[in-house]
Amino acid sequence: MSGHSKWANIKHRKGRQDAARGKLFGKLAKAIEIAAREGGGNPDFNPTLATAIYKAKVASMPNDNIDRAVKRGTGEVEGAHYEEIWYEGYGPGGVALYVQILTDNRNRAASDVRSTFTRSGGNLGEPGSVGYLFHQKGLIHVKGSEDDVMLVALDAGAEDIRDSGDGWFEVITSPGDLQQVRTALGEGGLEIDSADVTQLASTTVPVGEGEARKLLRLIDALDDLDDVQSVYANYDIDDDVMERVLEEV
């Protein structure tokens, strides 16, 4: 077991992003296409695709949309060619931001990301400036007793388990083991809130209330861009402060 880690500080306001259903479906479809293009269209042999399809189904994305996205990725039907790009920078409070882009227009994406950083009090950095702080991992948010979570997760191949409070735990896996650990937890009768391949920061930066407002506005503005797939940040905001700020931002 490692120390306490605030769930909200990994990728904030999941619920608000999910509410924008049309935009969410577009981003999920892009992720499925990229995964199918890079690893093939069979989720049994492509864990990244399996995770992308799982997330789409959790979001109630229609099966027809999922199937079309897979076929676009494998080239069975025509579609736009999406390129993955990572942008790195800093937000208010010196927080590192690692921004995943899936775009069919590199120039548009670069212009949008750069102007959003500038308008919202951030600074776009050079490649490599913050990426080394983040590591790709599978992350499952699960509820249950500590003994049950540890027994099932570690037996299924999890790397670490973190207590996030109120009976919830973060189970960390290698990206390739995410699906099998998630399946084991579900079969063990444990409540799963989400399961994602994500970027976990090796260090965090404490952020006070004033800077937190500015930072979350910047993250929201980036999230709203059509080409932005995910925004990862290494901030650590107190739970009470986070609750107050989220009511305002």
C-alpha atoms as a PDB file:
ATOM      1  CA  MET A   1       0.000   0.000   0.000  1.00  0.00           C
ATOM      2  CA  SER A   2       1.279   3.468  -0.772  1.00  0.00           C
ATOM      3  CA  GLY A   3       0.082   6.681   0.768  1.00  0.00           C
ATOM      4  CA  HIS A   4      -3.169   8.570   0.362  1.00  0.00           C
ATOM      5  CA  SER A   5      -3.838   9.973  -3.096  1.00  0.00           C
ATOM      6  CA  LYS A   6      -6.748  12.281  -3.882  1.00  0.00           C
ATOM      7  CA  TRP A   7      -8.867  10.820  -6.675  1.00  0.00           C
ATOM      8  CA  ALA A   8     -10.026  14.263  -7.830  1.00  0.00           C
ATOM      9  CA  ASN A   9      -6.431  15.340  -8.401  1.00  0.00           C
ATOM     10  CA  ILE A  10      -5.696  12.774 -11.114  1.00  0.00           C
ATOM     11  CA  LYS A  11      -8.137  14.013 -13.721  1.00  0.00           C
ATOM     12  CA  HIS A  12     -10.620  16.511 -12.384  1.00  0.00           C
ATOM     13  CA  ARG A  13     -14.322  16.833 -12.987  1.00  0.00           C
ATOM     14  CA  LYS A  14     -14.929  13.638 -14.912  1.00  0.00           C
ATOM     15  CA  GLY A  15     -18.674  14.035 -14.456  1.00  0.00           C
ATOM     16  CA  ARG A  16     -18.834  17.495 -15.991  1.00  0.00           C
ATOM     17  CA  GLN A  17     -16.866  16.378 -19.027  1.00  0.00           C
ATOM     18  CA  ASP A  18     -19.066  13.326 -19.440  1.00  0.00           C
ATOM     19  CA  ALA A  19     -22.136  15.576 -19.509  1.00  0.00           C
ATOM     20  CA  ALA A  20     -21.044  16.984 -22.875  1.00  0.00           C
ATOM     21  CA  ARG A  21     -22.192  13.778 -24.543  1.00  0.00           C
ATOM     22  CA  GLY A  22     -21.702  14.706 -28.186  1.00  0.00           C
ATOM     23  CA  LYS A  23     -18.173  15.964 -27.644  1.00  0.00           C
ATOM     24  CA  LEU A  24     -17.380  13.005 -25.416  1.00  0.00           C
ATOM     25  CA  PHE A  25     -18.505  10.507 -28.060  1.00  0.00           C
ATOM     26  CA  GLY A  26     -16.255  12.206 -30.591  1.00  0.00           C
ATOM     27  CA  LYS A  27     -13.250  11.888 -28.316  1.00  0.00           C
ATOM     28  CA  LEU A  28     -14.037   8.276 -27.475  1.00  0.00           C
ATOM     29  CA  ALA A  29     -14.362   7.431 -31.168  1.00  0.00           C
ATOM     30  CA  LYS A  30     -10.953   8.972 -31.875  1.00  0.00           C
ATOM     31  CA  ALA A  31      -9.381   6.881 -29.113  1.00  0.00           C
ATOM     32  CA  ILE A  32     -10.944   3.711 -30.534  1.00  0.00           C
ATOM     33  CA  GLU A  33      -9.757   4.537 -34.054  1.00  0.00           C
ATOM     34  CA  ILE A  34      -6.184   5.187 -32.939  1.00  0.00           C
ATOM     35  CA  ALA A  35      -6.095   2.001 -30.851  1.00  0.00           C
ATOM     36  CA  ALA A  36      -7.471  -0.115 -33.705  1.00  0.00           C
ATOM     37  CA  ARG A  37      -5.066   1.428 -36.201  1.00  0.00           C
ATOM     38  CA  GLU A  38      -2.013   0.814 -34.027  1.00  0.00           C
ATOM     39  CA  GLY A  39      -2.866  -2.562 -32.512  1.00  0.00           C
ATOM     40  CA  GLY A  40      -5.506  -4.166 -34.722  1.00  0.00           C
ATOM     41  CA  GLY A  41      -9.277  -4.405 -34.487  1.00  0.00           C
ATOM     42  CA  ASN A  42      -9.584  -7.404 -32.136  1.00  0.00           C
ATOM     43  CA  PRO A  43      -9.871  -6.229 -28.508  1.00  0.00           C
ATOM     44  CA  ASP A  44      -8.929  -9.716 -27.280  1.00  0.00           C
ATOM     45  CA  PHE A  45      -5.413  -9.097 -28.589  1.00  0.00           C
ATOM     46  CA  ASN A  46      -5.315  -5.309 -28.215  1.00  0.00           C
ATOM     47  CA  PRO A  47      -5.660  -4.188 -24.567  1.00  0.00           C
ATOM     48  CA  THR A  48      -5.614  -0.502 -25.532  1.00  0.00           C
ATOM     49  CA  LEU A  49      -8.581  -1.044 -27.838  1.00  0.00           C
ATOM     50  CA  ALA A  50     -10.363  -3.128 -25.186  1.00  0.00           C
ATOM     51  CA  THR A  51      -9.993  -0.273 -22.706  1.00  0.00           C
ATOM     52  CA  ALA A  52     -11.181   2.315 -25.239  1.00  0.00           C
ATOM     53  CA  ILE A  53     -14.269   0.226 -26.054  1.00  0.00           C
ATOM     54  CA  TYR A  54     -14.962  -0.326 -22.351  1.00  0.00           C
ATOM     55  CA  LYS A  55     -14.875   3.433 -21.709  1.00  0.00           C
ATOM     56  CA  ALA A  56     -17.198   4.025 -24.661  1.00  0.00           C
ATOM     57  CA  LYS A  57     -19.695   1.473 -23.367  1.00  0.00           C
ATOM     58  CA  VAL A  58     -19.582   2.938 -19.847  1.00  0.00           C
ATOM     59  CA  ALA A  59     -20.459   6.295 -21.437  1.00  0.00           C
ATOM     60  CA  SER A  60     -23.425   4.631 -23.241  1.00  0.00           C
ATOM     61  CA  MET A  61     -21.936   5.169 -26.673  1.00  0.00           C
ATOM     62  CA  PRO A  62     -24.058   3.211 -29.212  1.00  0.00           C
ATOM     63  CA  ASN A  63     -22.547  -0.056 -30.428  1.00  0.00           C
ATOM     64  CA  ASP A  64     -22.887   1.064 -34.052  1.00  0.00           C
ATOM     65  CA  ASN A  65     -20.682   4.083 -33.303  1.00  0.00           C
ATOM     66  CA  ILE A  66     -18.111   1.838 -31.644  1.00  0.00           C
ATOM     67  CA  ASP A  67     -18.088  -0.609 -34.558  1.00  0.00           C
ATOM     68  CA  ARG A  68     -17.682   2.189 -37.101  1.00  0.00           C
ATOM     69  CA  ALA A  69     -14.795   3.663 -35.128  1.00  0.00           C
ATOM     70  CA  VAL A  70     -13.025   0.287 -35.063  1.00  0.00           C
ATOM     71  CA  LYS A  71     -13.530  -0.150 -38.813  1.00  0.00           C
ATOM     72  CA  ARG A  72     -12.225   3.346 -39.511  1.00  0.00           C
ATOM     73  CA  GLY A  73      -9.142   2.475 -37.490  1.00  0.00           C
ATOM     74  CA  THR A  74      -8.524  -0.776 -39.357  1.00  0.00           C
ATOM     75  CA  GLY A  75      -9.197   0.857 -42.718  1.00  0.00           C
ATOM     76  CA  GLU A  76     -12.342  -1.150 -43.486  1.00  0.00           C
ATOM     77  CA  VAL A  77     -14.252   2.095 -43.954  1.00  0.00           C
ATOM     78  CA  GLU A  78     -12.926   5.499 -44.940  1.00  0.00           C
ATOM     79  CA  GLY A  79     -12.322   8.106 -42.268  1.00  0.00           C
ATOM     80  CA  ALA A  80     -10.048  10.939 -41.212  1.00  0.00           C
ATOM     81  CA  HIS A  81      -6.455  10.093 -40.308  1.00  0.00           C
ATOM     82  CA  TYR A  82      -5.839  11.187 -36.725  1.00  0.00           C
ATOM     83  CA  GLU A  83      -2.358  11.963 -35.493  1.00  0.00           C
ATOM     84  CA  GLU A  84      -1.377  11.790 -31.825  1.00  0.00           C
ATOM     85  CA  ILE A  85       0.615  14.760 -30.515  1.00  0.00           C
ATOM     86  CA  TRP A  86       1.633  15.636 -26.958  1.00  0.00           C
ATOM     87  CA  TYR A  87       1.954  19.227 -25.754  1.00  0.00           C
ATOM     88  CA  GLU A  88       3.732  20.126 -22.536  1.00  0.00           C
ATOM     89  CA  GLY A  89       3.527  23.225 -20.414  1.00  0.00           C
ATOM     90  CA  TYR A  90       2.892  24.838 -17.081  1.00  0.00           C
ATOM     91  CA  GLY A  91      -0.236  26.223 -15.480  1.00  0.00           C
ATOM     92  CA  PRO A  92      -0.781  28.632 -12.580  1.00  0.00           C
ATOM     93  CA  GLY A  93       1.123  27.570  -9.482  1.00  0.00           C
ATOM     94  CA  GLY A  94       3.859  25.935 -11.546  1.00  0.00           C
ATOM     95  CA  VAL A  95       1.752  22.837 -12.201  1.00  0.00           C
ATOM     96  CA  ALA A  96       2.956  20.625 -15.059  1.00  0.00           C
ATOM     97  CA  LEU A  97       0.399  19.982 -17.804  1.00  0.00           C
ATOM     98  CA  TYR A  98       0.686  17.108 -20.256  1.00  0.00           C
ATOM     99  CA  VAL A  99      -1.864  17.415 -23.063  1.00  0.00           C
ATOM    100  CA  GLN A 100      -2.794  14.572 -25.410  1.00  0.00           C
ATOM    101  CA  ILE A 101      -3.989  15.626 -28.871  1.00  0.00           C
ATOM    102  CA  LEU A 102      -5.689  13.474 -31.508  1.00  0.00           C
ATOM    103  CA  THR A 103      -6.103  15.606 -34.605  1.00  0.00           C
ATOM    104  CA  ASP A 104      -6.459  15.536 -38.367  1.00  0.00           C
ATOM    105  CA  ASN A 105      -5.020  19.065 -38.593  1.00  0.00           C
ATOM    106  CA  ARG A 106      -1.711  19.631 -36.776  1.00  0.00           C
ATOM    107  CA  ASN A 107      -1.628  23.380 -37.481  1.00  0.00           C
ATOM    108  CA  ARG A 108      -5.121  23.961 -36.090  1.00  0.00           C
ATOM    109  CA  ALA A 109      -4.359  21.948 -32.966  1.00  0.00           C
ATOM    110  CA  ALA A 110      -1.092  23.800 -32.326  1.00  0.00           C
ATOM    111  CA  SER A 111      -2.746  27.193 -32.729  1.00  0.00           C
ATOM    112  CA  ASP A 112      -5.670  26.305 -30.448  1.00  0.00           C
ATOM    113  CA  VAL A 113      -3.496  24.862 -27.686  1.00  0.00           C
ATOM    114  CA  ARG A 114      -1.001  27.725 -27.780  1.00  0.00           C
ATOM    115  CA  SER A 115      -3.668  30.427 -27.627  1.00  0.00           C
ATOM    116  CA  THR A 116      -5.501  28.620 -24.806  1.00  0.00           C
ATOM    117  CA  PHE A 117      -2.356  28.453 -22.685  1.00  0.00           C
ATOM    118  CA  THR A 118      -1.669  32.133 -23.326  1.00  0.00           C
ATOM    119  CA  ARG A 119      -5.217  33.344 -22.594  1.00  0.00           C
ATOM    120  CA  SER A 120      -5.550  31.301 -19.412  1.00  0.00           C
ATOM    121  CA  GLY A 121      -2.329  32.171 -17.629  1.00  0.00           C
ATOM    122  CA  GLY A 122      -0.263  29.152 -18.639  1.00  0.00           C
ATOM    123  CA  ASN A 123       2.998  28.718 -20.498  1.00  0.00           C
ATOM    124  CA  LEU A 124       3.511  26.248 -23.329  1.00  0.00           C
ATOM    125  CA  GLY A 125       6.814  24.427 -22.879  1.00  0.00           C
ATOM    126  CA  GLU A 126       9.281  22.657 -25.110  1.00  0.00           C
ATOM    127  CA  PRO A 127       9.003  18.925 -25.853  1.00  0.00           C
ATOM    128  CA  GLY A 128      10.422  17.022 -22.911  1.00  0.00           C
ATOM    129  CA  SER A 129       9.923  19.840 -20.423  1.00  0.00           C
ATOM    130  CA  VAL A 130       7.340  17.986 -18.302  1.00  0.00           C
ATOM    131  CA  GLY A 131       6.679  14.665 -20.036  1.00  0.00           C
ATOM    132  CA  TYR A 132       9.306  12.894 -17.948  1.00  0.00           C
ATOM    133  CA  LEU A 133       7.152  13.515 -14.856  1.00  0.00           C
ATOM    134  CA  PHE A 134       4.319  11.327 -16.200  1.00  0.00           C
ATOM    135  CA  HIS A 135       4.182   7.564 -16.675  1.00  0.00           C
ATOM    136  CA  GLN A 136       1.543   5.554 -18.509  1.00  0.00           C
ATOM    137  CA  LYS A 137      -0.365   3.279 -16.136  1.00  0.00           C
ATOM    138  CA  GLY A 138      -3.702   1.538 -15.843  1.00  0.00           C
ATOM    139  CA  LEU A 139      -5.847   3.097 -13.117  1.00  0.00           C
ATOM    140  CA  ILE A 140      -9.000   1.588 -11.633  1.00  0.00           C
ATOM    141  CA  HIS A 141     -11.160   3.396  -9.077  1.00  0.00           C
ATOM    142  CA  VAL A 142     -12.865   0.713  -6.989  1.00  0.00           C
ATOM    143  CA  LYS A 143     -14.895   0.515  -3.783  1.00  0.00           C
ATOM    144  CA  GLY A 144     -14.739  -2.272  -1.216  1.00  0.00           C
ATOM    145  CA  SER A 145     -12.970  -3.398   1.918  1.00  0.00           C
ATOM    146  CA  GLU A 146      -9.219  -2.937   1.917  1.00  0.00           C
ATOM    147  CA  ASP A 147      -8.605  -6.659   2.376  1.00  0.00           C
ATOM    148  CA  ASP A 148     -10.896  -7.623  -0.507  1.00  0.00           C
ATOM    149  CA  VAL A 149      -9.444  -5.036  -2.879  1.00  0.00           C
ATOM    150  CA  MET A 150      -5.867  -5.993  -2.040  1.00  0.00           C
ATOM    151  CA  LEU A 151      -6.486  -9.726  -2.294  1.00  0.00           C
ATOM    152  CA  VAL A 152      -8.223  -9.598  -5.672  1.00  0.00           C
ATOM    153  CA  ALA A 153      -6.156  -6.836  -7.255  1.00  0.00           C
ATOM    154  CA  LEU A 154      -2.715  -8.093  -6.319  1.00  0.00           C
ATOM    155  CA  ASP A 155      -3.603 -11.657  -7.257  1.00  0.00           C
ATOM    156  CA  ALA A 156      -4.713 -10.396 -10.691  1.00  0.00           C
ATOM    157  CA  GLY A 157      -1.430  -8.575 -11.277  1.00  0.00           C
ATOM    158  CA  ALA A 158      -1.922  -5.032  -9.924  1.00  0.00           C
ATOM    159  CA  GLU A 159       1.233  -3.051  -9.163  1.00  0.00           C
ATOM    160  CA  ASP A 160      -0.042  -0.871  -6.331  1.00  0.00           C
ATOM    161  CA  ILE A 161      -3.145   0.054  -4.336  1.00  0.00           C
ATOM    162  CA  ARG A 162      -3.815   3.482  -2.843  1.00  0.00           C
ATOM    163  CA  ASP A 163      -6.450   4.440  -0.321  1.00  0.00           C
ATOM    164  CA  SER A 164      -8.414   7.415  -1.643  1.00  0.00           C
ATOM    165  CA  GLY A 165     -10.874   7.649   1.273  1.00  0.00           C
ATOM    166  CA  ASP A 166     -14.505   6.735   2.017  1.00  0.00           C
ATOM    167  CA  GLY A 167     -13.966   3.099   1.071  1.00  0.00           C
ATOM    168  CA  TRP A 168     -12.562   3.894  -2.377  1.00  0.00           C
ATOM    169  CA  PHE A 169      -9.204   2.705  -3.653  1.00  0.00           C
ATOM    170  CA  GLU A 170      -7.017   3.412  -6.663  1.00  0.00           C
ATOM    171  CA  VAL A 171      -5.643   0.233  -8.188  1.00  0.00           C
ATOM    172  CA  ILE A 172      -2.612   0.824 -10.384  1.00  0.00           C
ATOM    173  CA  THR A 173      -1.566  -1.621 -13.088  1.00  0.00           C
ATOM    174  CA  SER A 174       0.641  -1.797 -16.133  1.00  0.00           C
ATOM    175  CA  PRO A 175      -1.348  -0.670 -19.197  1.00  0.00           C
ATOM    176  CA  GLY A 176      -1.401  -4.219 -20.560  1.00  0.00           C
ATOM    177  CA  ASP A 177      -2.793  -5.678 -17.326  1.00  0.00           C
ATOM    178  CA  LEU A 178      -5.621  -3.168 -16.883  1.00  0.00           C
ATOM    179  CA  GLN A 179      -8.308  -5.297 -18.514  1.00  0.00           C
ATOM    180  CA  GLN A 180      -7.548  -8.483 -16.577  1.00  0.00           C
ATOM    181  CA  VAL A 181      -7.382  -6.660 -13.225  1.00  0.00           C
ATOM    182  CA  ARG A 182     -10.627  -4.795 -13.941  1.00  0.00           C
ATOM    183  CA  THR A 183     -12.322  -8.073 -14.872  1.00  0.00           C
ATOM    184  CA  ALA A 184     -11.090  -9.750 -11.698  1.00  0.00           C
ATOM    185  CA  LEU A 185     -12.324  -6.907  -9.505  1.00  0.00           C
ATOM    186  CA  GLY A 186     -15.747  -7.002 -11.162  1.00  0.00           C
ATOM    187  CA  GLU A 187     -16.012 -10.763 -10.795  1.00  0.00           C
ATOM    188  CA  GLY A 188     -15.017 -10.333  -7.154  1.00  0.00           C
ATOM    189  CA  GLY A 189     -18.156  -8.298  -6.543  1.00  0.00           C
ATOM    190  CA  LEU A 190     -16.352  -4.976  -6.086  1.00  0.00           C
ATOM    191  CA  GLU A 191     -17.857  -1.695  -7.322  1.00  0.00           C
ATOM    192  CA  ILE A 192     -15.855  -0.154 -10.153  1.00  0.00           C
ATOM    193  CA  ASP A 193     -16.277   3.556 -10.883  1.00  0.00           C
ATOM    194  CA  SER A 194     -13.818   3.796 -13.771  1.00  0.00           C
ATOM    195  CA  ALA A 195     -10.908   2.018 -15.440  1.00  0.00           C
ATOM    196  CA  ASP A 196      -8.545   3.979 -17.656  1.00  0.00           C
ATOM    197  CA  VAL A 197      -5.120   3.959 -19.199  1.00  0.00           C
ATOM    198  CA  THR A 198      -3.806   7.239 -17.870  1.00  0.00           C
ATOM    199  CA  GLN A 199      -0.659   9.241 -17.170  1.00  0.00           C
ATOM    200  CA  LEU A 200       0.290   9.281 -13.485  1.00  0.00           C
ATOM    201  CA  ALA A 201       2.632  11.962 -12.192  1.00  0.00           C
ATOM    202  CA  SER A 202       5.687  10.909 -10.198  1.00  0.00           C
ATOM    203  CA  THR A 203       5.539  14.120  -8.127  1.00  0.00           C
ATOM    204  CA  THR A 204       2.789  16.617  -7.277  1.00  0.00           C
ATOM    205  CA  VAL A 205       2.699  20.358  -6.666  1.00  0.00           C
ATOM    206  CA  PRO A 206       0.594  21.773  -3.789  1.00  0.00           C
ATOM    207  CA  VAL A 207      -1.784  24.453  -5.073  1.00  0.00           C
ATOM    208  CA  GLY A 208      -3.676  26.995  -2.955  1.00  0.00           C
ATOM    209  CA  GLU A 209      -7.230  28.153  -3.508  1.00  0.00           C
ATOM    210  CA  GLY A 210      -6.461  31.246  -5.581  1.00  0.00           C
ATOM    211  CA  GLU A 211      -4.173  29.455  -8.007  1.00  0.00           C
ATOM    212  CA  ALA A 212      -6.504  26.444  -8.093  1.00  0.00           C
ATOM    213  CA  ARG A 213      -9.288  28.526  -9.634  1.00  0.00           C
ATOM    214  CA  LYS A 214      -7.012  29.765 -12.412  1.00  0.00           C
ATOM    215  CA  LEU A 215      -5.538  26.312 -12.980  1.00  0.00           C
ATOM    216  CA  LEU A 216      -8.870  24.514 -13.286  1.00  0.00           C
ATOM    217  CA  ARG A 217     -10.140  27.161 -15.690  1.00  0.00           C
ATOM    218  CA  LEU A 218      -7.103  26.530 -17.882  1.00  0.00           C
ATOM    219  CA  ILE A 219      -7.641  22.762 -17.753  1.00  0.00           C
ATOM    220  CA  ASP A 220     -11.319  23.244 -18.619  1.00  0.00           C
ATOM    221  CA  ALA A 221     -10.445  25.469 -21.564  1.00  0.00           C
ATOM    222  CA  LEU A 222      -8.017  22.868 -22.893  1.00  0.00           C
ATOM    223  CA  ASP A 223     -10.533  20.045 -22.346  1.00  0.00           C
ATOM    224  CA  ASP A 224     -13.097  21.981 -24.376  1.00  0.00           C
ATOM    225  CA  LEU A 225     -10.903  21.960 -27.485  1.00  0.00           C
ATOM    226  CA  ASP A 226     -12.106  19.379 -30.001  1.00  0.00           C
ATOM    227  CA  ASP A 227      -8.583  18.080 -30.675  1.00  0.00           C
ATOM    228  CA  VAL A 228      -7.706  17.610 -27.001  1.00  0.00           C
ATOM    229  CA  GLN A 229      -8.204  14.028 -25.856  1.00  0.00           C
ATOM    230  CA  SER A 230      -6.909  14.267 -22.283  1.00  0.00           C
ATOM    231  CA  VAL A 231      -5.223  16.759 -19.967  1.00  0.00           C
ATOM    232  CA  TYR A 232      -2.985  15.409 -17.207  1.00  0.00           C
ATOM    233  CA  ALA A 233      -1.676  17.571 -14.371  1.00  0.00           C
ATOM    234  CA  ASN A 234       0.477  17.025 -11.303  1.00  0.00           C
ATOM    235  CA  TYR A 235      -1.422  19.272  -8.896  1.00  0.00           C
ATOM    236  CA  ASP A 236      -2.332  18.458  -5.304  1.00  0.00           C
ATOM    237  CA  ILE A 237      -5.352  20.431  -4.111  1.00  0.00           C
ATOM    238  CA  ASP A 238      -6.859  19.974  -0.664  1.00  0.00           C
ATOM    239  CA  ASP A 239     -10.235  18.219  -0.830  1.00  0.00           C
ATOM    240  CA  ASP A 240     -12.113  21.089   0.862  1.00  0.00           C
ATOM    241  CA  VAL A 241     -10.498  23.641  -1.428  1.00  0.00           C
ATOM    242  CA  MET A 242     -11.294  21.490  -4.477  1.00  0.00           C
ATOM    243  CA  GLU A 243     -14.953  21.276  -3.477  1.00  0.00           C
ATOM    244  CA  ARG A 244     -15.265  25.044  -3.098  1.00  0.00           C
ATOM    245  CA  VAL A 245     -13.429  25.783  -6.316  1.00  0.00           C
ATOM    246  CA  LEU A 246     -15.456  23.316  -8.387  1.00  0.00           C
ATOM    247  CA  GLU A 247     -18.633  25.079  -7.317  1.00  0.00           C
ATOM    248  CA  GLU A 248     -17.317  28.302  -8.842  1.00  0.00           C
ATOM    249  CA  VAL A 249     -15.372  27.231 -11.933  1.00  0.00           C
END
